[in-house]
Amino acid sequence: MELFEQIRREYEFSVGTIVGVARKLGVHRRMVREALGSPEPAAPKPQQRRLRKLEAVSEFIDQILRADVAAPPKQRHTAHRIFERLRQEVPGFSGSERSVRGYV
């Protein structure tokens, strides 16, 4: 926020060019343009990754998790156990434990 104010001040009263402000403050020209266009920085866009290898087995994982809702806490599946079941019960499963853990 303060950087955006400083960029606008430098552009209006001192250097006067986008390249000059970028060099003087050590920021990228895109940031200077963004500061001149809006008073506040834009919120970062959340990245969404597609879990391609889990698309085929997502229903199987959801089924396990739905069944675990009624089970006692000690008997519920962990992400590691779900991964092990996928490796044993689904032929050709090539996903990683980390992706299963992220999905769970």
N, C-alpha and C. Protein backbone atom coordinates (compact mmCIF):
# COMPACT_ATOMS: atom_id res chain seq x y z
N MET A 1 0.83 -1.18 0.00
CA MET A 1 0.00 0.00 0.00
C MET A 1 0.88 1.25 0.00
N GLU A 2 1.86 1.32 0.91
CA GLU A 2 2.74 2.48 0.94
C GLU A 2 3.62 2.52 -0.29
N LEU A 3 4.00 1.34 -0.80
CA LEU A 3 4.80 1.28 -2.01
C LEU A 3 4.02 1.85 -3.19
N PHE A 4 2.74 1.56 -3.26
CA PHE A 4 1.93 2.08 -4.36
C PHE A 4 1.85 3.60 -4.28
N GLU A 5 1.73 4.16 -3.08
CA GLU A 5 1.71 5.61 -2.92
C GLU A 5 3.04 6.22 -3.33
N GLN A 6 4.12 5.58 -2.94
CA GLN A 6 5.45 6.06 -3.29
C GLN A 6 5.66 6.01 -4.81
N ILE A 7 5.19 4.95 -5.44
CA ILE A 7 5.30 4.83 -6.89
C ILE A 7 4.53 5.95 -7.57
N ARG A 8 3.31 6.22 -7.12
CA ARG A 8 2.52 7.29 -7.74
C ARG A 8 3.18 8.66 -7.53
N ARG A 9 3.73 8.89 -6.33
CA ARG A 9 4.41 10.17 -6.07
C ARG A 9 5.63 10.33 -6.98
N GLU A 10 6.44 9.29 -7.10
CA GLU A 10 7.62 9.35 -7.94
C GLU A 10 7.24 9.60 -9.40
N TYR A 11 6.17 8.98 -9.85
CA TYR A 11 5.76 9.14 -11.23
C TYR A 11 5.26 10.56 -11.50
N GLU A 12 4.48 11.09 -10.58
CA GLU A 12 3.90 12.42 -10.79
C GLU A 12 4.89 13.55 -10.58
N PHE A 13 5.68 13.48 -9.51
CA PHE A 13 6.47 14.65 -9.12
C PHE A 13 7.97 14.52 -9.39
N SER A 14 8.47 13.34 -9.65
CA SER A 14 9.92 13.21 -9.75
C SER A 14 10.35 12.71 -11.13
N VAL A 15 10.32 11.44 -11.34
CA VAL A 15 10.89 10.84 -12.54
C VAL A 15 9.99 11.05 -13.75
N GLY A 16 8.74 10.68 -13.65
CA GLY A 16 7.80 10.92 -14.72
C GLY A 16 7.66 9.83 -15.75
N THR A 17 8.49 8.79 -15.67
CA THR A 17 8.35 7.67 -16.61
C THR A 17 8.22 6.37 -15.84
N ILE A 18 7.58 5.40 -16.47
CA ILE A 18 7.40 4.10 -15.83
C ILE A 18 8.73 3.41 -15.64
N VAL A 19 9.57 3.47 -16.68
CA VAL A 19 10.88 2.82 -16.60
C VAL A 19 11.75 3.48 -15.53
N GLY A 20 11.70 4.82 -15.46
CA GLY A 20 12.49 5.54 -14.46
C GLY A 20 12.08 5.21 -13.04
N VAL A 21 10.79 5.14 -12.80
CA VAL A 21 10.29 4.79 -11.46
C VAL A 21 10.68 3.36 -11.11
N ALA A 22 10.57 2.46 -12.09
CA ALA A 22 10.92 1.06 -11.83
C ALA A 22 12.39 0.94 -11.47
N ARG A 23 13.25 1.66 -12.19
CA ARG A 23 14.69 1.60 -11.87
C ARG A 23 15.00 2.22 -10.52
N LYS A 24 14.38 3.36 -10.24
CA LYS A 24 14.68 4.07 -9.00
C LYS A 24 14.25 3.28 -7.76
N LEU A 25 13.08 2.63 -7.83
CA LEU A 25 12.55 1.91 -6.67
C LEU A 25 12.88 0.43 -6.68
N GLY A 26 13.42 -0.05 -7.79
CA GLY A 26 13.80 -1.46 -7.85
C GLY A 26 12.62 -2.40 -7.95
N VAL A 27 11.57 -1.99 -8.66
CA VAL A 27 10.41 -2.84 -8.86
C VAL A 27 10.23 -3.06 -10.36
N HIS A 28 9.36 -3.98 -10.71
CA HIS A 28 9.11 -4.28 -12.12
C HIS A 28 8.18 -3.24 -12.72
N ARG A 29 8.30 -3.05 -14.03
CA ARG A 29 7.45 -2.08 -14.72
C ARG A 29 5.97 -2.43 -14.59
N ARG A 30 5.66 -3.73 -14.54
CA ARG A 30 4.26 -4.13 -14.38
C ARG A 30 3.69 -3.62 -13.06
N MET A 31 4.51 -3.66 -12.01
CA MET A 31 4.03 -3.18 -10.71
C MET A 31 3.79 -1.67 -10.76
N VAL A 32 4.65 -0.95 -11.47
CA VAL A 32 4.45 0.49 -11.61
C VAL A 32 3.13 0.76 -12.34
N ARG A 33 2.88 0.03 -13.41
CA ARG A 33 1.63 0.21 -14.15
C ARG A 33 0.41 -0.14 -13.28
N GLU A 34 0.55 -1.18 -12.49
CA GLU A 34 -0.55 -1.56 -11.61
C GLU A 34 -0.81 -0.48 -10.57
N ALA A 35 0.27 0.10 -10.03
CA ALA A 35 0.12 1.15 -9.02
C ALA A 35 -0.51 2.40 -9.62
N LEU A 36 -0.19 2.69 -10.86
CA LEU A 36 -0.78 3.87 -11.50
C LEU A 36 -2.24 3.63 -11.86
N GLY A 37 -2.62 2.40 -12.08
CA GLY A 37 -3.99 2.08 -12.48
C GLY A 37 -4.96 1.94 -11.33
N SER A 38 -4.49 1.52 -10.16
CA SER A 38 -5.41 1.31 -9.04
C SER A 38 -4.74 1.72 -7.74
N PRO A 39 -5.52 2.21 -6.77
CA PRO A 39 -4.92 2.67 -5.51
C PRO A 39 -4.43 1.53 -4.60
N GLU A 40 -4.97 0.32 -4.78
CA GLU A 40 -4.56 -0.80 -3.94
C GLU A 40 -4.12 -1.96 -4.81
N PRO A 41 -3.19 -2.78 -4.31
CA PRO A 41 -2.78 -3.95 -5.09
C PRO A 41 -3.94 -4.93 -5.27
N ALA A 42 -3.95 -5.58 -6.41
CA ALA A 42 -4.98 -6.57 -6.69
C ALA A 42 -4.75 -7.81 -5.83
N ALA A 43 -5.82 -8.44 -5.42
CA ALA A 43 -5.72 -9.66 -4.62
C ALA A 43 -5.18 -10.78 -5.49
N PRO A 44 -4.29 -11.62 -4.96
CA PRO A 44 -3.77 -12.71 -5.77
C PRO A 44 -4.85 -13.73 -6.10
N LYS A 45 -4.79 -14.25 -7.31
CA LYS A 45 -5.77 -15.24 -7.73
C LYS A 45 -5.38 -16.60 -7.19
N PRO A 46 -6.31 -17.32 -6.58
CA PRO A 46 -5.97 -18.65 -6.07
C PRO A 46 -5.76 -19.62 -7.23
N GLN A 47 -4.72 -20.40 -7.13
CA GLN A 47 -4.45 -21.39 -8.17
C GLN A 47 -5.21 -22.66 -7.87
N GLN A 48 -5.80 -23.21 -8.91
CA GLN A 48 -6.51 -24.47 -8.74
C GLN A 48 -5.86 -25.50 -9.64
N ARG A 49 -5.41 -26.55 -9.03
CA ARG A 49 -4.79 -27.62 -9.78
C ARG A 49 -5.78 -28.75 -10.01
N ARG A 50 -5.69 -29.33 -11.16
CA ARG A 50 -6.52 -30.49 -11.43
C ARG A 50 -5.76 -31.73 -11.01
N LEU A 51 -6.41 -32.58 -10.28
CA LEU A 51 -5.81 -33.84 -9.85
C LEU A 51 -6.19 -34.91 -10.86
N ARG A 52 -5.47 -34.93 -11.98
CA ARG A 52 -5.84 -35.80 -13.10
C ARG A 52 -5.81 -37.27 -12.74
N LYS A 53 -4.82 -37.67 -11.95
CA LYS A 53 -4.71 -39.09 -11.64
C LYS A 53 -5.76 -39.53 -10.63
N LEU A 54 -6.35 -38.58 -9.92
CA LEU A 54 -7.36 -38.93 -8.93
C LEU A 54 -8.79 -38.82 -9.48
N GLU A 55 -8.94 -38.30 -10.70
CA GLU A 55 -10.29 -38.17 -11.25
C GLU A 55 -10.99 -39.51 -11.35
N ALA A 56 -10.25 -40.54 -11.72
CA ALA A 56 -10.85 -41.86 -11.90
C ALA A 56 -11.24 -42.50 -10.57
N VAL A 57 -10.54 -42.17 -9.50
CA VAL A 57 -10.77 -42.83 -8.21
C VAL A 57 -11.41 -41.90 -7.18
N SER A 58 -11.79 -40.69 -7.58
CA SER A 58 -12.34 -39.75 -6.61
C SER A 58 -13.65 -40.26 -6.00
N GLU A 59 -14.46 -40.95 -6.78
CA GLU A 59 -15.71 -41.51 -6.25
C GLU A 59 -15.42 -42.59 -5.22
N PHE A 60 -14.40 -43.39 -5.45
CA PHE A 60 -14.00 -44.44 -4.51
C PHE A 60 -13.54 -43.82 -3.19
N ILE A 61 -12.74 -42.76 -3.28
CA ILE A 61 -12.27 -42.07 -2.07
C ILE A 61 -13.45 -41.44 -1.32
N ASP A 62 -14.35 -40.80 -2.07
CA ASP A 62 -15.53 -40.19 -1.43
C ASP A 62 -16.39 -41.24 -0.73
N GLN A 63 -16.50 -42.39 -1.33
CA GLN A 63 -17.28 -43.48 -0.73
C GLN A 63 -16.65 -43.91 0.59
N ILE A 64 -15.33 -44.03 0.63
CA ILE A 64 -14.64 -44.40 1.86
C ILE A 64 -14.86 -43.34 2.93
N LEU A 65 -14.75 -42.07 2.55
CA LEU A 65 -14.90 -40.99 3.52
C LEU A 65 -16.34 -40.89 4.04
N ARG A 66 -17.32 -41.15 3.17
CA ARG A 66 -18.72 -41.14 3.63
C ARG A 66 -18.97 -42.27 4.62
N ALA A 67 -18.37 -43.42 4.39
CA ALA A 67 -18.54 -44.54 5.31
C ALA A 67 -17.85 -44.26 6.65
N ASP A 68 -16.77 -43.50 6.62
CA ASP A 68 -16.03 -43.19 7.84
C ASP A 68 -16.75 -42.20 8.75
N VAL A 69 -17.72 -41.48 8.22
CA VAL A 69 -18.44 -40.51 9.05
C VAL A 69 -19.18 -41.23 10.18
N ALA A 70 -19.73 -42.41 9.90
CA ALA A 70 -20.48 -43.15 10.90
C ALA A 70 -19.59 -44.01 11.78
N ALA A 71 -18.36 -44.24 11.38
CA ALA A 71 -17.45 -45.10 12.14
C ALA A 71 -16.88 -44.36 13.35
N PRO A 72 -16.51 -45.09 14.38
CA PRO A 72 -15.85 -44.46 15.53
C PRO A 72 -14.51 -43.84 15.10
N PRO A 73 -14.05 -42.81 15.80
CA PRO A 73 -12.82 -42.11 15.40
C PRO A 73 -11.60 -43.02 15.24
N LYS A 74 -11.45 -44.01 16.09
CA LYS A 74 -10.29 -44.89 16.01
C LYS A 74 -10.32 -45.81 14.79
N GLN A 75 -11.49 -45.98 14.20
CA GLN A 75 -11.61 -46.91 13.08
C GLN A 75 -11.69 -46.21 11.74
N ARG A 76 -11.53 -44.91 11.71
CA ARG A 76 -11.61 -44.18 10.45
C ARG A 76 -10.32 -44.33 9.66
N HIS A 77 -10.44 -44.19 8.35
CA HIS A 77 -9.29 -44.31 7.47
C HIS A 77 -8.41 -43.06 7.54
N THR A 78 -7.12 -43.26 7.54
CA THR A 78 -6.19 -42.16 7.38
C THR A 78 -5.90 -42.00 5.89
N ALA A 79 -5.29 -40.91 5.52
CA ALA A 79 -4.96 -40.70 4.12
C ALA A 79 -3.98 -41.78 3.64
N HIS A 80 -3.06 -42.18 4.50
CA HIS A 80 -2.11 -43.23 4.13
C HIS A 80 -2.84 -44.55 3.89
N ARG A 81 -3.80 -44.86 4.73
CA ARG A 81 -4.54 -46.11 4.57
C ARG A 81 -5.39 -46.09 3.29
N ILE A 82 -5.97 -44.94 2.98
CA ILE A 82 -6.73 -44.81 1.74
C ILE A 82 -5.81 -45.01 0.54
N PHE A 83 -4.61 -44.44 0.60
CA PHE A 83 -3.63 -44.62 -0.47
C PHE A 83 -3.27 -46.09 -0.64
N GLU A 84 -3.04 -46.78 0.47
CA GLU A 84 -2.71 -48.20 0.41
C GLU A 84 -3.87 -49.01 -0.20
N ARG A 85 -5.11 -48.67 0.18
CA ARG A 85 -6.26 -49.37 -0.40
C ARG A 85 -6.36 -49.12 -1.90
N LEU A 86 -6.08 -47.90 -2.33
CA LEU A 86 -6.12 -47.59 -3.75
C LEU A 86 -5.09 -48.42 -4.51
N ARG A 87 -3.90 -48.53 -3.95
CA ARG A 87 -2.85 -49.32 -4.62
C ARG A 87 -3.23 -50.79 -4.72
N GLN A 88 -3.93 -51.30 -3.70
CA GLN A 88 -4.29 -52.72 -3.68
C GLN A 88 -5.55 -53.01 -4.49
N GLU A 89 -6.56 -52.15 -4.38
CA GLU A 89 -7.88 -52.48 -4.93
C GLU A 89 -8.15 -51.90 -6.31
N VAL A 90 -7.43 -50.86 -6.71
CA VAL A 90 -7.68 -50.24 -8.02
C VAL A 90 -6.53 -50.61 -8.95
N PRO A 91 -6.82 -51.39 -9.98
CA PRO A 91 -5.74 -51.78 -10.89
C PRO A 91 -5.26 -50.58 -11.72
N GLY A 92 -3.95 -50.44 -11.81
CA GLY A 92 -3.37 -49.37 -12.61
C GLY A 92 -3.35 -48.00 -11.96
N PHE A 93 -3.59 -47.93 -10.66
CA PHE A 93 -3.54 -46.63 -9.98
C PHE A 93 -2.08 -46.18 -9.89
N SER A 94 -1.81 -44.95 -10.37
CA SER A 94 -0.43 -44.46 -10.38
C SER A 94 -0.27 -43.13 -9.66
N GLY A 95 -1.26 -42.77 -8.85
CA GLY A 95 -1.17 -41.52 -8.11
C GLY A 95 -0.22 -41.61 -6.94
N SER A 96 0.10 -40.47 -6.35
CA SER A 96 1.03 -40.44 -5.23
C SER A 96 0.26 -40.31 -3.91
N GLU A 97 0.94 -40.65 -2.83
CA GLU A 97 0.31 -40.52 -1.52
C GLU A 97 0.04 -39.08 -1.20
N ARG A 98 0.91 -38.20 -1.65
CA ARG A 98 0.74 -36.79 -1.37
C ARG A 98 -0.53 -36.24 -2.05
N SER A 99 -0.80 -36.66 -3.27
CA SER A 99 -2.00 -36.18 -3.95
C SER A 99 -3.27 -36.72 -3.26
N VAL A 100 -3.20 -37.96 -2.79
CA VAL A 100 -4.34 -38.53 -2.06
C VAL A 100 -4.55 -37.76 -0.76
N ARG A 101 -3.46 -37.46 -0.07
CA ARG A 101 -3.55 -36.71 1.18
C ARG A 101 -4.15 -35.32 0.95
N GLY A 102 -3.76 -34.68 -0.13
CA GLY A 102 -4.32 -33.37 -0.47
C GLY A 102 -5.80 -33.45 -0.78
N TYR A 103 -6.22 -34.51 -1.44
CA TYR A 103 -7.63 -34.68 -1.78
C TYR A 103 -8.47 -34.94 -0.55
N VAL A 104 -7.93 -35.77 0.37
CA VAL A 104 -8.65 -36.13 1.59
C VAL A 104 -8.78 -34.90 2.46
